[in-house]
Amino acid sequence: MRLSVKTLIADCVNEVIKAHYPMQYYSLCHVYAIVGANLISIATARDFRPVAGLAAVDCGNGRLMLMADDTAFACSEGGAYHCWIESVGDAHSDRQIVDLTFRHNHIYAENNGFHWTLAPPPAFLWGLQSDLLLNATLTSLPRTFPEGQVWLSETEAGTAWMTQQLLEHQNAFVTLTAEALRRFSRGLLSPESDFNEI
């Protein structure tokens, strides 16, 4: 089976973060967003940025996992919020949305008291905003989402928190990105990589 470049990027970021944080990788969405945005920007020669805000994920059987506590950004222990990646400079066209933690949604849900009844999610979410994001407000979310869709909403508190994370932990993110880039470069030389799809 030939791997796409998107799959290679997602796998490299996941492997590096799991190696460094084997007990808590599934709850480190901000690390996935920052390292992922860096690697995607390098690999595609386009600008991507890490985003923080609120989210809702369908766990099945009409149960939603809400990560919608905007005040949690001010808590040192974290809380119910989410981070993802968006393309930059698409003011007149559809932004790309990337969530490299998507493969861990069921683990995160189960560890936070949400019974997951759907099939395990795909390894990542990556596509156009119009295809992936549910168009609703937090108070008007349906009980079930179309397959492959999520609800995301960037907030001012999330943006400020993400900026703070980038400044306070810059060296760690540079190290993680460099490791992911080395894995990615090795993967590009593999006969299983498909360079025609990004």
Protein backbone atom coordinates (compact mmCIF):
# COMPACT_ATOMS: atom_id res chain seq x y z
CA MET A 1 0.00 0.00 0.00
CA ARG A 2 1.40 3.36 -1.02
CA LEU A 3 1.33 6.06 1.63
CA SER A 4 0.25 9.60 0.85
CA VAL A 5 2.35 12.55 1.98
CA LYS A 6 -0.52 13.56 4.28
CA THR A 7 -0.39 10.16 5.96
CA LEU A 8 3.39 10.37 6.26
CA ILE A 9 3.15 13.80 7.92
CA ALA A 10 0.45 12.62 10.34
CA ASP A 11 2.39 9.47 11.23
CA CYS A 12 5.69 11.32 11.77
CA VAL A 13 4.11 13.87 14.11
CA ASN A 14 2.26 11.14 16.01
CA GLU A 15 5.36 8.94 16.41
CA VAL A 16 7.48 11.80 17.75
CA ILE A 17 4.89 12.99 20.26
CA LYS A 18 4.09 9.46 21.46
CA ALA A 19 7.82 8.80 21.93
CA HIS A 20 8.24 11.90 24.10
CA TYR A 21 4.93 11.71 25.96
CA PRO A 22 3.90 8.02 26.05
CA MET A 23 1.39 8.42 28.89
CA GLN A 24 -0.39 11.60 27.83
CA TYR A 25 0.04 11.90 24.04
CA TYR A 26 -3.71 11.63 23.36
CA SER A 27 -4.44 14.78 25.38
CA LEU A 28 -1.69 17.00 23.93
CA CYS A 29 -3.65 18.51 21.05
CA HIS A 30 -1.66 21.75 21.27
CA VAL A 31 1.62 19.90 20.72
CA TYR A 32 0.16 18.08 17.70
CA ALA A 33 -1.14 21.39 16.35
CA ILE A 34 2.15 23.26 16.74
CA VAL A 35 4.49 20.52 15.52
CA GLY A 36 2.03 19.56 12.80
CA ALA A 37 1.62 23.13 11.55
CA ASN A 38 5.40 23.49 11.41
CA LEU A 39 5.93 20.25 9.49
CA ILE A 40 3.03 20.83 7.08
CA SER A 41 4.29 24.36 6.35
CA ILE A 42 7.76 23.00 5.56
CA ALA A 43 6.49 20.06 3.49
CA THR A 44 3.95 22.03 1.44
CA ALA A 45 5.71 25.42 1.23
CA ARG A 46 2.41 26.96 2.40
CA ASP A 47 1.67 28.64 5.70
CA PHE A 48 -0.31 26.71 8.30
CA ARG A 49 -0.93 27.80 11.88
CA PRO A 50 -1.90 26.11 15.14
CA VAL A 51 -5.36 27.13 16.37
CA ALA A 52 -6.96 26.82 19.82
CA GLY A 53 -10.59 27.07 20.76
CA LEU A 54 -13.70 25.02 21.35
CA ALA A 55 -14.76 21.73 19.75
CA ALA A 56 -17.44 19.07 19.68
CA VAL A 57 -16.98 15.48 18.53
CA ASP A 58 -19.68 12.88 17.92
CA CYS A 59 -19.06 9.80 20.11
CA GLY A 60 -22.06 7.89 18.73
CA ASN A 61 -25.54 7.10 20.04
CA GLY A 62 -26.45 10.78 20.14
CA ARG A 63 -23.69 11.66 22.60
CA LEU A 64 -21.36 14.58 21.94
CA MET A 65 -18.03 15.17 23.60
CA LEU A 66 -17.90 18.93 24.18
CA MET A 67 -14.54 20.59 24.63
CA ALA A 68 -16.08 23.98 25.17
CA ASP A 69 -14.72 25.55 28.33
CA ASP A 70 -13.12 28.79 27.17
CA THR A 71 -12.09 29.56 30.77
CA ALA A 72 -9.89 26.43 30.79
CA PHE A 73 -7.20 28.30 28.85
CA ALA A 74 -6.47 30.22 32.06
CA CYS A 75 -6.05 27.02 34.13
CA SER A 76 -2.58 25.53 34.50
CA GLU A 77 -4.06 22.01 34.57
CA GLY A 78 -5.79 22.55 31.21
CA GLY A 79 -9.36 21.56 30.55
CA ALA A 80 -12.06 21.12 27.95
CA TYR A 81 -10.71 22.85 24.84
CA HIS A 82 -9.14 21.69 21.60
CA CYS A 83 -6.36 22.63 19.18
CA TRP A 84 -6.07 22.00 15.45
CA ILE A 85 -4.33 23.37 12.34
CA GLU A 86 -5.56 25.77 9.64
CA SER A 87 -4.07 27.06 6.41
CA VAL A 88 -3.23 30.76 6.27
CA GLY A 89 -3.88 33.20 3.45
CA ASP A 90 -7.07 31.66 2.11
CA ALA A 91 -9.25 34.75 2.58
CA HIS A 92 -10.98 34.26 -0.77
CA SER A 93 -11.05 30.49 -0.76
CA ASP A 94 -11.79 27.61 1.56
CA ARG A 95 -9.26 27.13 4.36
CA GLN A 96 -7.73 23.72 4.93
CA ILE A 97 -8.46 22.21 8.33
CA VAL A 98 -6.11 19.58 9.78
CA ASP A 99 -6.54 17.64 13.02
CA LEU A 100 -3.68 15.22 13.62
CA THR A 101 -5.14 14.05 16.94
CA PHE A 102 -8.25 12.63 15.27
CA ARG A 103 -6.95 9.05 15.59
CA HIS A 104 -7.02 9.46 19.38
CA ASN A 105 -10.59 10.80 19.73
CA HIS A 106 -11.94 7.50 21.02
CA ILE A 107 -9.11 7.14 23.57
CA TYR A 108 -9.54 10.71 24.79
CA ALA A 109 -13.31 10.24 25.00
CA GLU A 110 -13.12 7.00 26.99
CA ASN A 111 -10.53 8.47 29.38
CA ASN A 112 -12.82 11.42 30.03
CA GLY A 113 -16.03 9.52 30.72
CA PHE A 114 -17.55 9.44 27.22
CA HIS A 115 -18.54 6.01 25.92
CA TRP A 116 -17.37 5.77 22.29
CA THR A 117 -19.75 3.66 20.17
CA LEU A 118 -18.56 4.51 16.67
CA ALA A 119 -15.83 2.77 14.70
CA PRO A 120 -12.33 3.99 15.60
CA PRO A 121 -11.73 7.31 13.82
CA PRO A 122 -9.33 7.70 10.90
CA ALA A 123 -5.74 8.68 11.65
CA PHE A 124 -6.30 12.35 10.84
CA LEU A 125 -8.78 14.89 9.56
CA TRP A 126 -7.48 16.95 6.63
CA GLY A 127 -9.54 18.79 4.06
CA LEU A 128 -11.48 21.90 3.19
CA GLN A 129 -13.33 23.74 5.91
CA SER A 130 -16.59 23.50 3.94
CA ASP A 131 -16.32 19.70 3.89
CA LEU A 132 -15.19 19.07 7.47
CA LEU A 133 -16.73 21.70 9.73
CA LEU A 134 -20.30 21.56 10.92
CA ASN A 135 -22.00 24.91 10.37
CA ALA A 136 -23.71 25.52 13.72
CA THR A 137 -23.33 27.40 16.97
CA LEU A 138 -22.44 25.66 20.21
CA THR A 139 -26.03 26.00 21.41
CA SER A 140 -27.54 24.64 18.18
CA LEU A 141 -25.42 21.53 17.64
CA PRO A 142 -27.30 18.47 16.35
CA ARG A 143 -27.22 15.27 18.43
CA THR A 144 -25.28 13.45 15.70
CA PHE A 145 -22.79 14.72 13.13
CA PRO A 146 -22.37 13.62 9.52
CA GLU A 147 -19.48 11.16 9.27
CA GLY A 148 -16.10 12.89 9.09
CA GLN A 149 -17.37 16.23 10.38
CA VAL A 150 -16.59 18.08 13.61
CA TRP A 151 -17.50 21.40 15.16
CA LEU A 152 -14.61 23.82 15.84
CA SER A 153 -14.56 27.44 16.92
CA GLU A 154 -11.44 29.54 17.51
CA THR A 155 -11.66 31.87 20.50
CA GLU A 156 -9.72 34.93 21.65
CA ALA A 157 -8.71 33.14 24.84
CA GLY A 158 -7.50 30.19 22.77
CA THR A 159 -5.46 32.42 20.46
CA ALA A 160 -3.81 34.19 23.41
CA TRP A 161 -3.07 30.85 25.10
CA MET A 162 -1.59 29.35 21.93
CA THR A 163 0.67 32.38 21.49
CA GLN A 164 1.82 31.99 25.09
CA GLN A 165 2.57 28.29 24.55
CA LEU A 166 4.63 29.08 21.46
CA LEU A 167 6.67 31.68 23.33
CA GLU A 168 7.18 29.75 26.56
CA HIS A 169 8.07 26.39 25.01
CA GLN A 170 9.75 27.43 21.78
CA ASN A 171 12.84 25.27 22.25
CA ALA A 172 10.80 22.13 22.92
CA PHE A 173 8.67 22.71 19.81
CA VAL A 174 11.78 23.30 17.68
CA THR A 175 13.24 20.00 18.93
CA LEU A 176 10.02 18.07 18.28
CA THR A 177 9.60 19.63 14.84
CA ALA A 178 13.20 18.77 13.91
CA GLU A 179 12.62 15.15 14.92
CA ALA A 180 9.39 14.98 12.93
CA LEU A 181 11.14 16.54 9.92
CA ARG A 182 13.93 13.94 10.08
CA ARG A 183 11.35 11.12 10.14
CA PHE A 184 9.46 12.78 7.29
CA SER A 185 12.62 13.14 5.19
CA ARG A 186 13.45 9.46 5.70
CA GLY A 187 9.88 8.55 4.80
CA LEU A 188 10.06 10.49 1.54
CA LEU A 189 12.86 8.18 0.43
CA SER A 190 10.70 5.13 1.08
CA PRO A 191 9.24 3.35 -1.97
CA GLU A 192 5.89 3.33 -0.14
CA SER A 193 5.53 7.13 -0.32
CA ASP A 194 3.32 8.67 -3.01
CA PHE A 195 4.59 12.10 -4.02
CA ASN A 196 1.61 12.87 -6.26
CA GLU A 197 -0.77 13.54 -3.38
CA ILE A 198 -0.47 16.16 -0.66
